[in-house]
Amino acid sequence: VQLQASGGGLVQAGGSLRLSCAASGNMRSINVMGWYRQAPGKQRELVAAVTRAGTTNYADSVKGRFTISRDNAKNTVILQMNSLKPEDTAVYYCKVPRSSWNDEYWGQGTQVTVSS
């Protein structure tokens, strides 16, 4: 499985960005896909995740501002980020978590910078 992330950039506080993760390869056993982020000097953390059935999970810090969605036919996961804050500045990574049915996969990071 290969994950290709795109959509990062520079935006002012209060603005919006849309991240996209396109997956390729054998996706049949993949249930959960998610976005993680890592800010300078901090540990990588979960931002949001979505199952194949559409069940979502969000970090408390992004609830109500970010929306994760998934198109199973296109093997794509979208992270819509609204009302961005400077503390959202980080490198964002698309990830397929390890499970009983699949290995762990990471996409390359995409930089999101929110200016105050």
PDB file of N, CA and C in Angstrom:
ATOM      1  N   VAL A   1       0.851  -1.183   0.000  1.00  0.00           N
ATOM      2  CA  VAL A   1       0.000   0.000   0.000  1.00  0.00           C
ATOM      3  C   VAL A   1       0.894   1.243   0.000  1.00  0.00           C
ATOM      4  N   GLN A   2       0.565   2.176  -0.877  1.00  0.00           N
ATOM      5  CA  GLN A   2       1.278   3.457  -0.925  1.00  0.00           C
ATOM      6  C   GLN A   2       0.275   4.582  -0.668  1.00  0.00           C
ATOM      7  N   LEU A   3       0.716   5.559   0.107  1.00  0.00           N
ATOM      8  CA  LEU A   3      -0.142   6.688   0.457  1.00  0.00           C
ATOM      9  C   LEU A   3       0.505   7.970  -0.041  1.00  0.00           C
ATOM     10  N   GLN A   4      -0.255   8.760  -0.772  1.00  0.00           N
ATOM     11  CA  GLN A   4       0.242  10.018  -1.323  1.00  0.00           C
ATOM     12  C   GLN A   4      -0.601  11.163  -0.769  1.00  0.00           C
ATOM     13  N   ALA A   5       0.034  11.982   0.051  1.00  0.00           N
ATOM     14  CA  ALA A   5      -0.677  13.103   0.671  1.00  0.00           C
ATOM     15  C   ALA A   5      -0.431  14.386  -0.109  1.00  0.00           C
ATOM     16  N   SER A   6      -1.418  15.248  -0.111  1.00  0.00           N
ATOM     17  CA  SER A   6      -1.288  16.534  -0.774  1.00  0.00           C
ATOM     18  C   SER A   6      -2.215  17.550  -0.123  1.00  0.00           C
ATOM     19  N   GLY A   7      -1.988  18.837  -0.423  1.00  0.00           N
ATOM     20  CA  GLY A   7      -2.924  19.858  -0.003  1.00  0.00           C
ATOM     21  C   GLY A   7      -2.459  20.782   1.095  1.00  0.00           C
ATOM     22  N   GLY A   8      -1.269  20.589   1.620  1.00  0.00           N
ATOM     23  CA  GLY A   8      -0.794  21.484   2.660  1.00  0.00           C
ATOM     24  C   GLY A   8      -0.489  22.868   2.101  1.00  0.00           C
ATOM     25  N   GLY A   9      -0.134  23.777   3.003  1.00  0.00           N
ATOM     26  CA  GLY A   9       0.217  25.122   2.572  1.00  0.00           C
ATOM     27  C   GLY A   9       0.223  26.097   3.715  1.00  0.00           C
ATOM     28  N   LEU A  10       0.258  27.358   3.350  1.00  0.00           N
ATOM     29  CA  LEU A  10       0.283  28.449   4.319  1.00  0.00           C
ATOM     30  C   LEU A  10      -1.067  29.158   4.288  1.00  0.00           C
ATOM     31  N   VAL A  11      -1.637  29.367   5.463  1.00  0.00           N
ATOM     32  CA  VAL A  11      -2.942  30.018   5.551  1.00  0.00           C
ATOM     33  C   VAL A  11      -2.977  30.880   6.802  1.00  0.00           C
ATOM     34  N   GLN A  12      -3.777  31.926   6.768  1.00  0.00           N
ATOM     35  CA  GLN A  12      -3.932  32.762   7.955  1.00  0.00           C
ATOM     36  C   GLN A  12      -4.884  32.114   8.946  1.00  0.00           C
ATOM     37  N   ALA A  13      -4.741  32.479  10.196  1.00  0.00           N
ATOM     38  CA  ALA A  13      -5.642  31.965  11.226  1.00  0.00           C
ATOM     39  C   ALA A  13      -7.089  32.254  10.838  1.00  0.00           C
ATOM     40  N   GLY A  14      -7.931  31.256  11.055  1.00  0.00           N
ATOM     41  CA  GLY A  14      -9.328  31.359  10.666  1.00  0.00           C
ATOM     42  C   GLY A  14      -9.618  30.833   9.282  1.00  0.00           C
ATOM     43  N   GLY A  15      -8.579  30.557   8.530  1.00  0.00           N
ATOM     44  CA  GLY A  15      -8.746  30.056   7.178  1.00  0.00           C
ATOM     45  C   GLY A  15      -8.971  28.557   7.127  1.00  0.00           C
ATOM     46  N   SER A  16      -8.993  28.041   5.908  1.00  0.00           N
ATOM     47  CA  SER A  16      -9.271  26.623   5.678  1.00  0.00           C
ATOM     48  C   SER A  16      -8.245  26.009   4.730  1.00  0.00           C
ATOM     49  N   LEU A  17      -8.031  24.729   4.915  1.00  0.00           N
ATOM     50  CA  LEU A  17      -7.220  23.932   3.995  1.00  0.00           C
ATOM     51  C   LEU A  17      -7.863  22.559   3.870  1.00  0.00           C
ATOM     52  N   ARG A  18      -7.582  21.933   2.756  1.00  0.00           N
ATOM     53  CA  ARG A  18      -8.117  20.588   2.503  1.00  0.00           C
ATOM     54  C   ARG A  18      -6.963  19.677   2.158  1.00  0.00           C
ATOM     55  N   LEU A  19      -6.776  18.644   2.952  1.00  0.00           N
ATOM     56  CA  LEU A  19      -5.723  17.660   2.700  1.00  0.00           C
ATOM     57  C   LEU A  19      -6.347  16.426   2.057  1.00  0.00           C
ATOM     58  N   SER A  20      -5.610  15.859   1.120  1.00  0.00           N
ATOM     59  CA  SER A  20      -6.080  14.661   0.445  1.00  0.00           C
ATOM     60  C   SER A  20      -5.020  13.568   0.557  1.00  0.00           C
ATOM     61  N   CYS A  21      -5.465  12.342   0.743  1.00  0.00           N
ATOM     62  CA  CYS A  21      -4.572  11.189   0.800  1.00  0.00           C
ATOM     63  C   CYS A  21      -5.093  10.149  -0.179  1.00  0.00           C
ATOM     64  N   ALA A  22      -4.309   9.886  -1.193  1.00  0.00           N
ATOM     65  CA  ALA A  22      -4.680   8.887  -2.190  1.00  0.00           C
ATOM     66  C   ALA A  22      -3.915   7.614  -1.918  1.00  0.00           C
ATOM     67  N   ALA A  23      -4.633   6.516  -1.760  1.00  0.00           N
ATOM     68  CA  ALA A  23      -4.014   5.226  -1.483  1.00  0.00           C
ATOM     69  C   ALA A  23      -4.013   4.361  -2.730  1.00  0.00           C
ATOM     70  N   SER A  24      -2.953   3.609  -2.895  1.00  0.00           N
ATOM     71  CA  SER A  24      -2.870   2.666  -4.004  1.00  0.00           C
ATOM     72  C   SER A  24      -2.330   1.341  -3.478  1.00  0.00           C
ATOM     73  N   GLY A  25      -2.550   0.293  -4.245  1.00  0.00           N
ATOM     74  CA  GLY A  25      -2.146  -1.032  -3.814  1.00  0.00           C
ATOM     75  C   GLY A  25      -3.350  -1.824  -3.339  1.00  0.00           C
ATOM     76  N   ASN A  26      -3.074  -2.892  -2.612  1.00  0.00           N
ATOM     77  CA  ASN A  26      -4.134  -3.781  -2.149  1.00  0.00           C
ATOM     78  C   ASN A  26      -4.805  -3.191  -0.915  1.00  0.00           C
ATOM     79  N   MET A  27      -5.962  -2.608  -1.109  1.00  0.00           N
ATOM     80  CA  MET A  27      -6.683  -1.938  -0.036  1.00  0.00           C
ATOM     81  C   MET A  27      -7.804  -2.799   0.555  1.00  0.00           C
ATOM     82  N   ARG A  28      -7.928  -4.037   0.090  1.00  0.00           N
ATOM     83  CA  ARG A  28      -9.086  -4.846   0.489  1.00  0.00           C
ATOM     84  C   ARG A  28      -9.150  -5.093   1.989  1.00  0.00           C
ATOM     85  N   SER A  29      -7.988  -5.218   2.625  1.00  0.00           N
ATOM     86  CA  SER A  29      -7.978  -5.521   4.064  1.00  0.00           C
ATOM     87  C   SER A  29      -7.869  -4.286   4.935  1.00  0.00           C
ATOM     88  N   ILE A  30      -7.858  -3.111   4.315  1.00  0.00           N
ATOM     89  CA  ILE A  30      -7.671  -1.873   5.065  1.00  0.00           C
ATOM     90  C   ILE A  30      -9.006  -1.360   5.580  1.00  0.00           C
ATOM     91  N   ASN A  31      -9.142  -1.229   6.902  1.00  0.00           N
ATOM     92  CA  ASN A  31     -10.365  -0.693   7.478  1.00  0.00           C
ATOM     93  C   ASN A  31     -10.199   0.765   7.890  1.00  0.00           C
ATOM     94  N   VAL A  32      -9.191   1.054   8.697  1.00  0.00           N
ATOM     95  CA  VAL A  32      -9.024   2.398   9.246  1.00  0.00           C
ATOM     96  C   VAL A  32      -7.958   3.160   8.465  1.00  0.00           C
ATOM     97  N   MET A  33      -8.267   4.411   8.172  1.00  0.00           N
ATOM     98  CA  MET A  33      -7.282   5.342   7.623  1.00  0.00           C
ATOM     99  C   MET A  33      -7.372   6.620   8.436  1.00  0.00           C
ATOM    100  N   GLY A  34      -6.252   7.292   8.578  1.00  0.00           N
ATOM    101  CA  GLY A  34      -6.284   8.482   9.420  1.00  0.00           C
ATOM    102  C   GLY A  34      -5.229   9.503   9.061  1.00  0.00           C
ATOM    103  N   TRP A  35      -5.333  10.623   9.731  1.00  0.00           N
ATOM    104  CA  TRP A  35      -4.361  11.705   9.615  1.00  0.00           C
ATOM    105  C   TRP A  35      -3.709  11.919  10.985  1.00  0.00           C
ATOM    106  N   TYR A  36      -2.404  12.060  10.969  1.00  0.00           N
ATOM    107  CA  TYR A  36      -1.635  12.375  12.157  1.00  0.00           C
ATOM    108  C   TYR A  36      -0.869  13.660  11.878  1.00  0.00           C
ATOM    109  N   ARG A  37      -0.386  14.294  12.913  1.00  0.00           N
ATOM    110  CA  ARG A  37       0.422  15.491  12.722  1.00  0.00           C
ATOM    111  C   ARG A  37       1.552  15.539  13.750  1.00  0.00           C
ATOM    112  N   GLN A  38       2.594  16.242  13.367  1.00  0.00           N
ATOM    113  CA  GLN A  38       3.730  16.408  14.264  1.00  0.00           C
ATOM    114  C   GLN A  38       4.217  17.843  14.173  1.00  0.00           C
ATOM    115  N   ALA A  39       4.099  18.543  15.280  1.00  0.00           N
ATOM    116  CA  ALA A  39       4.590  19.909  15.369  1.00  0.00           C
ATOM    117  C   ALA A  39       6.037  19.882  15.858  1.00  0.00           C
ATOM    118  N   PRO A  40       6.796  20.928  15.585  1.00  0.00           N
ATOM    119  CA  PRO A  40       8.199  20.961  16.026  1.00  0.00           C
ATOM    120  C   PRO A  40       8.324  20.756  17.526  1.00  0.00           C
ATOM    121  N   GLY A  41       9.177  19.816  17.897  1.00  0.00           N
ATOM    122  CA  GLY A  41       9.421  19.556  19.305  1.00  0.00           C
ATOM    123  C   GLY A  41       8.350  18.765  20.008  1.00  0.00           C
ATOM    124  N   LYS A  42       7.360  18.288  19.268  1.00  0.00           N
ATOM    125  CA  LYS A  42       6.264  17.537  19.871  1.00  0.00           C
ATOM    126  C   LYS A  42       6.164  16.154  19.263  1.00  0.00           C
ATOM    127  N   GLN A  43       5.464  15.282  19.967  1.00  0.00           N
ATOM    128  CA  GLN A  43       5.261  13.929  19.457  1.00  0.00           C
ATOM    129  C   GLN A  43       4.185  13.928  18.381  1.00  0.00           C
ATOM    130  N   ARG A  44       4.279  12.947  17.526  1.00  0.00           N
ATOM    131  CA  ARG A  44       3.252  12.790  16.506  1.00  0.00           C
ATOM    132  C   ARG A  44       1.948  12.392  17.188  1.00  0.00           C
ATOM    133  N   GLU A  45       0.841  12.968  16.744  1.00  0.00           N
ATOM    134  CA  GLU A  45      -0.445  12.717  17.380  1.00  0.00           C
ATOM    135  C   GLU A  45      -1.528  12.463  16.344  1.00  0.00           C
ATOM    136  N   LEU A  46      -2.539  11.718  16.782  1.00  0.00           N
ATOM    137  CA  LEU A  46      -3.695  11.475  15.932  1.00  0.00           C
ATOM    138  C   LEU A  46      -4.508  12.755  15.785  1.00  0.00           C
ATOM    139  N   VAL A  47      -4.909  13.051  14.557  1.00  0.00           N
ATOM    140  CA  VAL A  47      -5.817  14.164  14.297  1.00  0.00           C
ATOM    141  C   VAL A  47      -7.226  13.641  14.095  1.00  0.00           C
ATOM    142  N   ALA A  48      -7.364  12.692  13.181  1.00  0.00           N
ATOM    143  CA  ALA A  48      -8.677  12.138  12.885  1.00  0.00           C
ATOM    144  C   ALA A  48      -8.495  10.811  12.174  1.00  0.00           C
ATOM    145  N   ALA A  49      -9.486   9.941  12.317  1.00  0.00           N
ATOM    146  CA  ALA A  49      -9.455   8.650  11.642  1.00  0.00           C
ATOM    147  C   ALA A  49     -10.861   8.297  11.191  1.00  0.00           C
ATOM    148  N   VAL A  50     -10.930   7.443  10.184  1.00  0.00           N
ATOM    149  CA  VAL A  50     -12.223   7.039   9.639  1.00  0.00           C
ATOM    150  C   VAL A  50     -12.146   5.577   9.234  1.00  0.00           C
ATOM    151  N   THR A  51     -13.208   4.838   9.529  1.00  0.00           N
ATOM    152  CA  THR A  51     -13.269   3.449   9.118  1.00  0.00           C
ATOM    153  C   THR A  51     -13.880   3.331   7.726  1.00  0.00           C
ATOM    154  N   ARG A  52     -13.802   2.140   7.165  1.00  0.00           N
ATOM    155  CA  ARG A  52     -14.393   1.904   5.854  1.00  0.00           C
ATOM    156  C   ARG A  52     -15.899   2.190   5.881  1.00  0.00           C
ATOM    157  N   ALA A  53     -16.531   1.944   7.003  1.00  0.00           N
ATOM    158  CA  ALA A  53     -17.981   2.169   7.121  1.00  0.00           C
ATOM    159  C   ALA A  53     -18.324   3.635   7.381  1.00  0.00           C
ATOM    160  N   GLY A  54     -17.307   4.459   7.638  1.00  0.00           N
ATOM    161  CA  GLY A  54     -17.560   5.884   7.833  1.00  0.00           C
ATOM    162  C   GLY A  54     -17.570   6.351   9.273  1.00  0.00           C
ATOM    163  N   THR A  55     -17.271   5.467  10.200  1.00  0.00           N
ATOM    164  CA  THR A  55     -17.175   5.888  11.601  1.00  0.00           C
ATOM    165  C   THR A  55     -15.921   6.739  11.794  1.00  0.00           C
ATOM    166  N   THR A  56     -16.091   7.868  12.461  1.00  0.00           N
ATOM    167  CA  THR A  56     -14.984   8.805  12.608  1.00  0.00           C
ATOM    168  C   THR A  56     -14.563   8.983  14.063  1.00  0.00           C
ATOM    169  N   ASN A  57     -13.340   9.427  14.221  1.00  0.00           N
ATOM    170  CA  ASN A  57     -12.768   9.710  15.538  1.00  0.00           C
ATOM    171  C   ASN A  57     -11.873  10.932  15.386  1.00  0.00           C
ATOM    172  N   TYR A  58     -11.993  11.874  16.331  1.00  0.00           N
ATOM    173  CA  TYR A  58     -11.232  13.112  16.244  1.00  0.00           C
ATOM    174  C   TYR A  58     -10.495  13.408  17.544  1.00  0.00           C
ATOM    175  N   ALA A  59      -9.355  14.046  17.412  1.00  0.00           N
ATOM    176  CA  ALA A  59      -8.698  14.592  18.589  1.00  0.00           C
ATOM    177  C   ALA A  59      -9.569  15.714  19.149  1.00  0.00           C
ATOM    178  N   ASP A  60      -9.592  15.865  20.450  1.00  0.00           N
ATOM    179  CA  ASP A  60     -10.416  16.901  21.066  1.00  0.00           C
ATOM    180  C   ASP A  60     -10.069  18.288  20.527  1.00  0.00           C
ATOM    181  N   SER A  61      -8.819  18.503  20.215  1.00  0.00           N
ATOM    182  CA  SER A  61      -8.373  19.825  19.792  1.00  0.00           C
ATOM    183  C   SER A  61      -8.907  20.239  18.429  1.00  0.00           C
ATOM    184  N   VAL A  62      -9.415  19.285  17.651  1.00  0.00           N
ATOM    185  CA  VAL A  62      -9.900  19.629  16.304  1.00  0.00           C
ATOM    186  C   VAL A  62     -11.392  19.388  16.126  1.00  0.00           C
ATOM    187  N   LYS A  63     -12.044  18.854  17.145  1.00  0.00           N
ATOM    188  CA  LYS A  63     -13.482  18.578  17.033  1.00  0.00           C
ATOM    189  C   LYS A  63     -14.244  19.862  16.741  1.00  0.00           C
ATOM    190  N   GLY A  64     -15.158  19.759  15.783  1.00  0.00           N
ATOM    191  CA  GLY A  64     -15.956  20.904  15.395  1.00  0.00           C
ATOM    192  C   GLY A  64     -15.302  21.782  14.355  1.00  0.00           C
ATOM    193  N   ARG A  65     -14.019  21.561  14.090  1.00  0.00           N
ATOM    194  CA  ARG A  65     -13.308  22.363  13.090  1.00  0.00           C
ATOM    195  C   ARG A  65     -12.848  21.533  11.899  1.00  0.00           C
ATOM    196  N   PHE A  66     -12.455  20.302  12.148  1.00  0.00           N
ATOM    197  CA  PHE A  66     -11.954  19.420  11.099  1.00  0.00           C
ATOM    198  C   PHE A  66     -12.989  18.345  10.788  1.00  0.00           C
ATOM    199  N   THR A  67     -13.023  17.937   9.532  1.00  0.00           N
ATOM    200  CA  THR A  67     -13.900  16.852   9.111  1.00  0.00           C
ATOM    201  C   THR A  67     -13.113  15.879   8.247  1.00  0.00           C
ATOM    202  N   ILE A  68     -13.151  14.613   8.627  1.00  0.00           N
ATOM    203  CA  ILE A  68     -12.499  13.582   7.826  1.00  0.00           C
ATOM    204  C   ILE A  68     -13.566  12.822   7.052  1.00  0.00           C
ATOM    205  N   SER A  69     -13.258  12.520   5.814  1.00  0.00           N
ATOM    206  CA  SER A  69     -14.188  11.762   4.990  1.00  0.00           C
ATOM    207  C   SER A  69     -13.402  10.799   4.114  1.00  0.00           C
ATOM    208  N   ARG A  70     -14.128   9.834   3.573  1.00  0.00           N
ATOM    209  CA  ARG A  70     -13.444   8.769   2.829  1.00  0.00           C
ATOM    210  C   ARG A  70     -14.282   8.367   1.636  1.00  0.00           C
ATOM    211  N   ASP A  71     -13.616   8.152   0.522  1.00  0.00           N
ATOM    212  CA  ASP A  71     -14.250   7.636  -0.687  1.00  0.00           C
ATOM    213  C   ASP A  71     -13.629   6.269  -0.952  1.00  0.00           C
ATOM    214  N   ASN A  72     -14.331   5.218  -0.586  1.00  0.00           N
ATOM    215  CA  ASN A  72     -13.768   3.876  -0.713  1.00  0.00           C
ATOM    216  C   ASN A  72     -13.545   3.495  -2.172  1.00  0.00           C
ATOM    217  N   ALA A  73     -14.394   3.951  -3.063  1.00  0.00           N
ATOM    218  CA  ALA A  73     -14.248   3.615  -4.474  1.00  0.00           C
ATOM    219  C   ALA A  73     -12.972   4.212  -5.049  1.00  0.00           C
ATOM    220  N   LYS A  74     -12.590   5.396  -4.559  1.00  0.00           N
ATOM    221  CA  LYS A  74     -11.394   6.066  -5.059  1.00  0.00           C
ATOM    222  C   LYS A  74     -10.192   5.869  -4.138  1.00  0.00           C
ATOM    223  N   ASN A  75     -10.386   5.152  -3.028  1.00  0.00           N
ATOM    224  CA  ASN A  75      -9.299   4.942  -2.044  1.00  0.00           C
ATOM    225  C   ASN A  75      -8.669   6.267  -1.625  1.00  0.00           C
ATOM    226  N   THR A  76      -9.533   7.208  -1.295  1.00  0.00           N
ATOM    227  CA  THR A  76      -9.081   8.553  -0.933  1.00  0.00           C
ATOM    228  C   THR A  76      -9.670   8.952   0.409  1.00  0.00           C
ATOM    229  N   VAL A  77      -8.841   9.618   1.211  1.00  0.00           N
ATOM    230  CA  VAL A  77      -9.287  10.173   2.483  1.00  0.00           C
ATOM    231  C   VAL A  77      -9.023  11.674   2.458  1.00  0.00           C
ATOM    232  N   ILE A  78     -10.031  12.433   2.837  1.00  0.00           N
ATOM    233  CA  ILE A  78      -9.949  13.893   2.824  1.00  0.00           C
ATOM    234  C   ILE A  78     -10.024  14.416   4.253  1.00  0.00           C
ATOM    235  N   LEU A  79      -9.198  15.391   4.549  1.00  0.00           N
ATOM    236  CA  LEU A  79      -9.287  16.099   5.824  1.00  0.00           C
ATOM    237  C   LEU A  79      -9.580  17.565   5.513  1.00  0.00           C
ATOM    238  N   GLN A  80     -10.808  17.976   5.794  1.00  0.00           N
ATOM    239  CA  GLN A  80     -11.195  19.364   5.616  1.00  0.00           C
ATOM    240  C   GLN A  80     -10.937  20.094   6.927  1.00  0.00           C
ATOM    241  N   MET A  81     -10.086  21.099   6.870  1.00  0.00           N
ATOM    242  CA  MET A  81      -9.693  21.830   8.083  1.00  0.00           C
ATOM    243  C   MET A  81     -10.202  23.261   7.999  1.00  0.00           C
ATOM    244  N   ASN A  82     -11.094  23.613   8.891  1.00  0.00           N
ATOM    245  CA  ASN A  82     -11.662  24.957   8.948  1.00  0.00           C
ATOM    246  C   ASN A  82     -11.266  25.631  10.258  1.00  0.00           C
ATOM    247  N   SER A  83     -11.441  26.929  10.300  1.00  0.00           N
ATOM    248  CA  SER A  83     -11.136  27.717  11.501  1.00  0.00           C
ATOM    249  C   SER A  83      -9.748  27.377  12.039  1.00  0.00           C
ATOM    250  N   LEU A  84      -8.786  27.364  11.150  1.00  0.00           N
ATOM    251  CA  LEU A  84      -7.437  26.951  11.530  1.00  0.00           C
ATOM    252  C   LEU A  84      -6.820  27.925  12.522  1.00  0.00           C
ATOM    253  N   LYS A  85      -6.010  27.368  13.414  1.00  0.00           N
ATOM    254  CA  LYS A  85      -5.326  28.132  14.454  1.00  0.00           C
ATOM    255  C   LYS A  85      -3.819  27.962  14.299  1.00  0.00           C
ATOM    256  N   PRO A  86      -3.045  28.903  14.798  1.00  0.00           N
ATOM    257  CA  PRO A  86      -1.583  28.749  14.713  1.00  0.00           C
ATOM    258  C   PRO A  86      -1.095  27.431  15.322  1.00  0.00           C
ATOM    259  N   GLU A  87      -1.772  26.946  16.345  1.00  0.00           N
ATOM    260  CA  GLU A  87      -1.353  25.694  16.973  1.00  0.00           C
ATOM    261  C   GLU A  87      -1.642  24.468  16.113  1.00  0.00           C
ATOM    262  N   ASP A  88      -2.318  24.663  14.996  1.00  0.00           N
ATOM    263  CA  ASP A  88      -2.508  23.550  14.051  1.00  0.00           C
ATOM    264  C   ASP A  88      -1.295  23.397  13.129  1.00  0.00           C
ATOM    265  N   THR A  89      -0.367  24.307  13.216  1.00  0.00           N
ATOM    266  CA  THR A  89       0.834  24.227  12.396  1.00  0.00           C
ATOM    267  C   THR A  89       1.606  22.957  12.706  1.00  0.00           C
ATOM    268  N   ALA A  90       1.862  22.167  11.670  1.00  0.00           N
ATOM    269  CA  ALA A  90       2.532  20.881  11.839  1.00  0.00           C
ATOM    270  C   ALA A  90       2.734  20.250  10.471  1.00  0.00           C
ATOM    271  N   VAL A  91       3.485  19.170  10.473  1.00  0.00           N
ATOM    272  CA  VAL A  91       3.535  18.314   9.296  1.00  0.00           C
ATOM    273  C   VAL A  91       2.442  17.266   9.478  1.00  0.00           C
ATOM    274  N   TYR A  92       1.588  17.143   8.496  1.00  0.00           N
ATOM    275  CA  TYR A  92       0.462  16.222   8.556  1.00  0.00           C
ATOM    276  C   TYR A  92       0.781  14.979   7.723  1.00  0.00           C
ATOM    277  N   TYR A  93       0.472  13.817   8.307  1.00  0.00           N
ATOM    278  CA  TYR A  93       0.764  12.538   7.675  1.00  0.00           C
ATOM    279  C   TYR A  93      -0.506  11.707   7.546  1.00  0.00           C
ATOM    280  N   CYS A  94      -0.653  11.087   6.427  1.00  0.00           N
ATOM    281  CA  CYS A  94      -1.705  10.100   6.236  1.00  0.00           C
ATOM    282  C   CYS A  94      -1.178   8.749   6.720  1.00  0.00           C
ATOM    283  N   LYS A  95      -2.026   7.971   7.365  1.00  0.00           N
ATOM    284  CA  LYS A  95      -1.563   6.711   7.940  1.00  0.00           C
ATOM    285  C   LYS A  95      -2.635   5.630   7.852  1.00  0.00           C
ATOM    286  N   VAL A  96      -2.185   4.426   7.595  1.00  0.00           N
ATOM    287  CA  VAL A  96      -3.011   3.236   7.783  1.00  0.00           C
ATOM    288  C   VAL A  96      -2.464   2.520   9.002  1.00  0.00           C
ATOM    289  N   PRO A  97      -3.219   2.488  10.109  1.00  0.00           N
ATOM    290  CA  PRO A  97      -2.716   1.854  11.324  1.00  0.00           C
ATOM    291  C   PRO A  97      -2.590   0.342  11.168  1.00  0.00           C
ATOM    292  N   ARG A  98      -1.661  -0.238  11.894  1.00  0.00           N
ATOM    293  CA  ARG A  98      -1.501  -1.697  11.898  1.00  0.00           C
ATOM    294  C   ARG A  98      -2.731  -2.332  12.539  1.00  0.00           C
ATOM    295  N   SER A  99      -3.147  -3.464  11.983  1.00  0.00           N
ATOM    296  CA  SER A  99      -4.262  -4.210  12.542  1.00  0.00           C
ATOM    297  C   SER A  99      -3.975  -5.702  12.391  1.00  0.00           C
ATOM    298  N   SER A 100      -4.937  -6.496  12.758  1.00  0.00           N
ATOM    299  CA  SER A 100      -4.782  -7.954  12.622  1.00  0.00           C
ATOM    300  C   SER A 100      -4.718  -8.372  11.160  1.00  0.00           C
ATOM    301  N   TRP A 101      -5.180  -7.486  10.265  1.00  0.00           N
ATOM    302  CA  TRP A 101      -5.278  -7.831   8.856  1.00  0.00           C
ATOM    303  C   TRP A 101      -4.315  -7.075   7.955  1.00  0.00           C
ATOM    304  N   ASN A 102      -3.634  -6.070   8.487  1.00  0.00           N
ATOM    305  CA  ASN A 102      -2.742  -5.312   7.615  1.00  0.00           C
ATOM    306  C   ASN A 102      -1.582  -4.716   8.401  1.00  0.00           C
ATOM    307  N   ASP A 103      -0.519  -4.426   7.669  1.00  0.00           N
ATOM    308  CA  ASP A 103       0.629  -3.727   8.242  1.00  0.00           C
ATOM    309  C   ASP A 103       0.323  -2.242   8.364  1.00  0.00           C
ATOM    310  N   GLU A 104       1.243  -1.530   9.006  1.00  0.00           N
ATOM    311  CA  GLU A 104       1.139  -0.088   9.142  1.00  0.00           C
ATOM    312  C   GLU A 104       1.779   0.578   7.922  1.00  0.00           C
ATOM    313  N   TYR A 105       1.130   1.626   7.431  1.00  0.00           N
ATOM    314  CA  TYR A 105       1.664   2.378   6.298  1.00  0.00           C
ATOM    315  C   TYR A 105       1.570   3.872   6.590  1.00  0.00           C
ATOM    316  N   TRP A 106       2.588   4.607   6.137  1.00  0.00           N
ATOM    317  CA  TRP A 106       2.617   6.055   6.281  1.00  0.00           C
ATOM    318  C   TRP A 106       2.806   6.701   4.922  1.00  0.00           C
ATOM    319  N   GLY A 107       2.142   7.817   4.724  1.00  0.00           N
ATOM    320  CA  GLY A 107       2.409   8.631   3.562  1.00  0.00           C
ATOM    321  C   GLY A 107       3.508   9.639   3.885  1.00  0.00           C
ATOM    322  N   GLN A 108       3.962  10.348   2.875  1.00  0.00           N
ATOM    323  CA  GLN A 108       4.925  11.408   3.144  1.00  0.00           C
ATOM    324  C   GLN A 108       4.177  12.569   3.796  1.00  0.00           C
ATOM    325  N   GLY A 109       4.828  13.366   4.546  1.00  0.00           N
ATOM    326  CA  GLY A 109       4.168  14.463   5.239  1.00  0.00           C
ATOM    327  C   GLY A 109       3.886  15.632   4.320  1.00  0.00           C
ATOM    328  N   THR A 110       2.896  16.417   4.719  1.00  0.00           N
ATOM    329  CA  THR A 110       2.608  17.653   4.019  1.00  0.00           C
ATOM    330  C   THR A 110       2.530  18.766   5.063  1.00  0.00           C
ATOM    331  N   GLN A 111       3.229  19.858   4.801  1.00  0.00           N
ATOM    332  CA  GLN A 111       3.349  20.929   5.780  1.00  0.00           C
ATOM    333  C   GLN A 111       2.113  21.812   5.779  1.00  0.00           C
ATOM    334  N   VAL A 112       1.583  22.046   6.973  1.00  0.00           N
ATOM    335  CA  VAL A 112       0.500  23.012   7.170  1.00  0.00           C
ATOM    336  C   VAL A 112       1.016  24.095   8.103  1.00  0.00           C
ATOM    337  N   THR A 113       0.977  25.322   7.647  1.00  0.00           N
ATOM    338  CA  THR A 113       1.440  26.455   8.452  1.00  0.00           C
ATOM    339  C   THR A 113       0.312  27.464   8.569  1.00  0.00           C
ATOM    340  N   VAL A 114      -0.035  27.794   9.807  1.00  0.00           N
ATOM    341  CA  VAL A 114      -1.107  28.757  10.068  1.00  0.00           C
ATOM    342  C   VAL A 114      -0.487  29.977  10.732  1.00  0.00           C
ATOM    343  N   SER A 115      -0.601  31.105  10.072  1.00  0.00           N
ATOM    344  CA  SER A 115      -0.017  32.337  10.610  1.00  0.00           C
ATOM    345  C   SER A 115      -1.055  33.101  11.425  1.00  0.00           C
ATOM    346  N   SER A 116      -0.575  33.788  12.445  1.00  0.00           N
ATOM    347  CA  SER A 116      -1.487  34.542  13.323  1.00  0.00           C
ATOM    348  C   SER A 116      -1.715  35.945  12.811  1.00  0.00           C
TER     349      SER A 116
END
